[in-house]
Amino acid sequence: MRIAKTFLQRLLILALGLLSVWLIVFVLFDFADQRLPWLLALSLTYAIAAIGLRFARANALDHTN
């Protein structure tokens, strides 16, 4: 039972990661690319993704106790 629970948790994390990548690449970058030069759009997309990851990691570390 423990193995199944761990597998489902990892599968959920994988699904959330894939959803995040899809949103960043196909929604956020596409939106920014239509309004900005591609280098600026890529930089802005990277910055937003990095900030989101930083907040996600900080929240994950806070809830370990």
N, C-alpha and C. Protein backbone atom coordinates (compact mmCIF):
# COMPACT_ATOMS: atom_id res chain seq x y z
N MET A 1 0.82 -1.20 0.00
CA MET A 1 0.00 0.00 0.00
C MET A 1 0.87 1.27 0.00
N ARG A 2 1.97 1.20 0.72
CA ARG A 2 2.85 2.37 0.80
C ARG A 2 3.47 2.68 -0.57
N ILE A 3 3.81 1.63 -1.30
CA ILE A 3 4.40 1.81 -2.63
C ILE A 3 3.38 2.47 -3.56
N ALA A 4 2.13 2.05 -3.48
CA ALA A 4 1.09 2.64 -4.33
C ALA A 4 0.87 4.11 -4.00
N LYS A 5 0.89 4.44 -2.72
CA LYS A 5 0.70 5.84 -2.31
C LYS A 5 1.86 6.71 -2.81
N THR A 6 3.09 6.21 -2.67
CA THR A 6 4.26 6.94 -3.16
C THR A 6 4.20 7.11 -4.68
N PHE A 7 3.81 6.05 -5.38
CA PHE A 7 3.69 6.11 -6.83
C PHE A 7 2.66 7.15 -7.26
N LEU A 8 1.51 7.17 -6.59
CA LEU A 8 0.46 8.14 -6.93
C LEU A 8 0.91 9.57 -6.64
N GLN A 9 1.64 9.77 -5.55
CA GLN A 9 2.15 11.10 -5.24
C GLN A 9 3.12 11.57 -6.32
N ARG A 10 4.00 10.68 -6.71
CA ARG A 10 4.98 11.05 -7.75
C ARG A 10 4.31 11.27 -9.10
N LEU A 11 3.28 10.50 -9.38
CA LEU A 11 2.54 10.68 -10.62
C LEU A 11 1.82 12.04 -10.63
N LEU A 12 1.27 12.42 -9.50
CA LEU A 12 0.62 13.73 -9.38
C LEU A 12 1.62 14.86 -9.54
N ILE A 13 2.79 14.72 -8.96
CA ILE A 13 3.83 15.74 -9.10
C ILE A 13 4.28 15.84 -10.56
N LEU A 14 4.42 14.70 -11.22
CA LEU A 14 4.78 14.71 -12.64
C LEU A 14 3.70 15.42 -13.47
N ALA A 15 2.44 15.13 -13.19
CA ALA A 15 1.34 15.76 -13.93
C ALA A 15 1.34 17.27 -13.70
N LEU A 16 1.55 17.70 -12.47
CA LEU A 16 1.60 19.13 -12.19
C LEU A 16 2.79 19.80 -12.87
N GLY A 17 3.91 19.11 -12.91
CA GLY A 17 5.08 19.64 -13.60
C GLY A 17 4.85 19.78 -15.09
N LEU A 18 4.24 18.77 -15.69
CA LEU A 18 3.93 18.84 -17.13
C LEU A 18 2.92 19.95 -17.43
N LEU A 19 1.93 20.10 -16.56
CA LEU A 19 0.96 21.19 -16.73
C LEU A 19 1.65 22.55 -16.63
N SER A 20 2.56 22.68 -15.69
CA SER A 20 3.29 23.94 -15.53
C SER A 20 4.12 24.27 -16.77
N VAL A 21 4.83 23.26 -17.27
CA VAL A 21 5.64 23.48 -18.48
C VAL A 21 4.75 23.86 -19.66
N TRP A 22 3.62 23.17 -19.80
CA TRP A 22 2.71 23.49 -20.90
C TRP A 22 2.21 24.93 -20.78
N LEU A 23 1.82 25.34 -19.58
CA LEU A 23 1.35 26.71 -19.39
C LEU A 23 2.43 27.74 -19.71
N ILE A 24 3.65 27.45 -19.27
CA ILE A 24 4.74 28.39 -19.51
C ILE A 24 5.06 28.48 -20.99
N VAL A 25 5.18 27.35 -21.65
CA VAL A 25 5.62 27.35 -23.06
C VAL A 25 4.52 27.79 -24.00
N PHE A 26 3.34 27.22 -23.86
CA PHE A 26 2.30 27.45 -24.87
C PHE A 26 1.34 28.57 -24.55
N VAL A 27 1.27 29.01 -23.31
CA VAL A 27 0.35 30.09 -22.97
C VAL A 27 1.13 31.37 -22.68
N LEU A 28 1.99 31.32 -21.67
CA LEU A 28 2.70 32.52 -21.25
C LEU A 28 3.66 33.02 -22.33
N PHE A 29 4.49 32.12 -22.87
CA PHE A 29 5.45 32.56 -23.88
C PHE A 29 4.74 33.02 -25.15
N ASP A 30 3.71 32.31 -25.55
CA ASP A 30 2.97 32.70 -26.75
C ASP A 30 2.35 34.08 -26.58
N PHE A 31 1.79 34.33 -25.41
CA PHE A 31 1.19 35.64 -25.11
C PHE A 31 2.26 36.74 -25.14
N ALA A 32 3.39 36.48 -24.48
CA ALA A 32 4.47 37.48 -24.43
C ALA A 32 5.11 37.67 -25.81
N ASP A 33 5.23 36.60 -26.58
CA ASP A 33 5.88 36.67 -27.88
C ASP A 33 5.08 37.52 -28.86
N GLN A 34 3.78 37.58 -28.70
CA GLN A 34 2.95 38.38 -29.60
C GLN A 34 3.10 39.87 -29.33
N ARG A 35 3.53 40.22 -28.12
CA ARG A 35 3.58 41.62 -27.74
C ARG A 35 4.99 42.18 -27.59
N LEU A 36 5.98 41.29 -27.47
CA LEU A 36 7.36 41.71 -27.22
C LEU A 36 8.29 41.05 -28.22
N PRO A 37 9.50 41.62 -28.39
CA PRO A 37 10.51 40.92 -29.19
C PRO A 37 10.81 39.56 -28.54
N TRP A 38 11.21 38.57 -29.35
CA TRP A 38 11.32 37.20 -28.85
C TRP A 38 12.32 37.05 -27.71
N LEU A 39 13.43 37.79 -27.73
CA LEU A 39 14.43 37.68 -26.67
C LEU A 39 13.86 38.22 -25.35
N LEU A 40 13.17 39.32 -25.41
CA LEU A 40 12.54 39.87 -24.21
C LEU A 40 11.42 38.97 -23.73
N ALA A 41 10.65 38.40 -24.64
CA ALA A 41 9.58 37.48 -24.26
C ALA A 41 10.15 36.24 -23.59
N LEU A 42 11.24 35.71 -24.12
CA LEU A 42 11.88 34.54 -23.53
C LEU A 42 12.43 34.86 -22.14
N SER A 43 13.05 36.02 -22.01
CA SER A 43 13.59 36.44 -20.71
C SER A 43 12.49 36.63 -19.68
N LEU A 44 11.40 37.25 -20.07
CA LEU A 44 10.27 37.46 -19.17
C LEU A 44 9.64 36.14 -18.76
N THR A 45 9.48 35.24 -19.70
CA THR A 45 8.91 33.93 -19.41
C THR A 45 9.81 33.17 -18.44
N TYR A 46 11.11 33.20 -18.66
CA TYR A 46 12.06 32.53 -17.77
C TYR A 46 11.99 33.12 -16.37
N ALA A 47 11.94 34.44 -16.28
CA ALA A 47 11.90 35.09 -14.97
C ALA A 47 10.63 34.72 -14.20
N ILE A 48 9.50 34.72 -14.86
CA ILE A 48 8.24 34.37 -14.19
C ILE A 48 8.27 32.91 -13.73
N ALA A 49 8.79 32.03 -14.57
CA ALA A 49 8.88 30.61 -14.19
C ALA A 49 9.84 30.42 -13.01
N ALA A 50 10.96 31.12 -13.02
CA ALA A 50 11.92 30.99 -11.93
C ALA A 50 11.36 31.50 -10.61
N ILE A 51 10.64 32.61 -10.66
CA ILE A 51 10.03 33.15 -9.45
C ILE A 51 8.97 32.19 -8.92
N GLY A 52 8.18 31.63 -9.82
CA GLY A 52 7.17 30.66 -9.40
C GLY A 52 7.79 29.44 -8.77
N LEU A 53 8.89 28.96 -9.33
CA LEU A 53 9.59 27.80 -8.77
C LEU A 53 10.17 28.14 -7.40
N ARG A 54 10.69 29.33 -7.28
CA ARG A 54 11.27 29.74 -6.00
C ARG A 54 10.21 29.78 -4.90
N PHE A 55 9.04 30.33 -5.21
CA PHE A 55 7.96 30.36 -4.23
C PHE A 55 7.46 28.95 -3.92
N ALA A 56 7.39 28.09 -4.91
CA ALA A 56 6.95 26.72 -4.69
C ALA A 56 7.91 25.97 -3.79
N ARG A 57 9.20 26.15 -4.03
CA ARG A 57 10.20 25.48 -3.19
C ARG A 57 10.18 26.04 -1.77
N ALA A 58 10.00 27.35 -1.62
CA ALA A 58 9.95 27.94 -0.29
C ALA A 58 8.75 27.41 0.49
N ASN A 59 7.62 27.30 -0.17
CA ASN A 59 6.42 26.76 0.49
C ASN A 59 6.60 25.30 0.84
N ALA A 60 7.26 24.54 0.00
CA ALA A 60 7.49 23.13 0.27
C ALA A 60 8.40 22.95 1.47
N LEU A 61 9.38 23.80 1.60
CA LEU A 61 10.30 23.72 2.73
C LEU A 61 9.64 24.14 4.03
N ASP A 62 8.71 25.09 3.97
CA ASP A 62 8.00 25.54 5.15
C ASP A 62 7.08 24.47 5.72
N HIS A 63 6.56 23.59 4.90
CA HIS A 63 5.57 22.62 5.34
C HIS A 63 6.17 21.26 5.68
N THR A 64 7.49 21.18 5.78
CA THR A 64 8.11 19.89 6.11
C THR A 64 8.03 19.57 7.59
N ASN A 65 7.81 20.54 8.43
CA ASN A 65 7.76 20.29 9.89
C ASN A 65 6.44 19.75 10.33
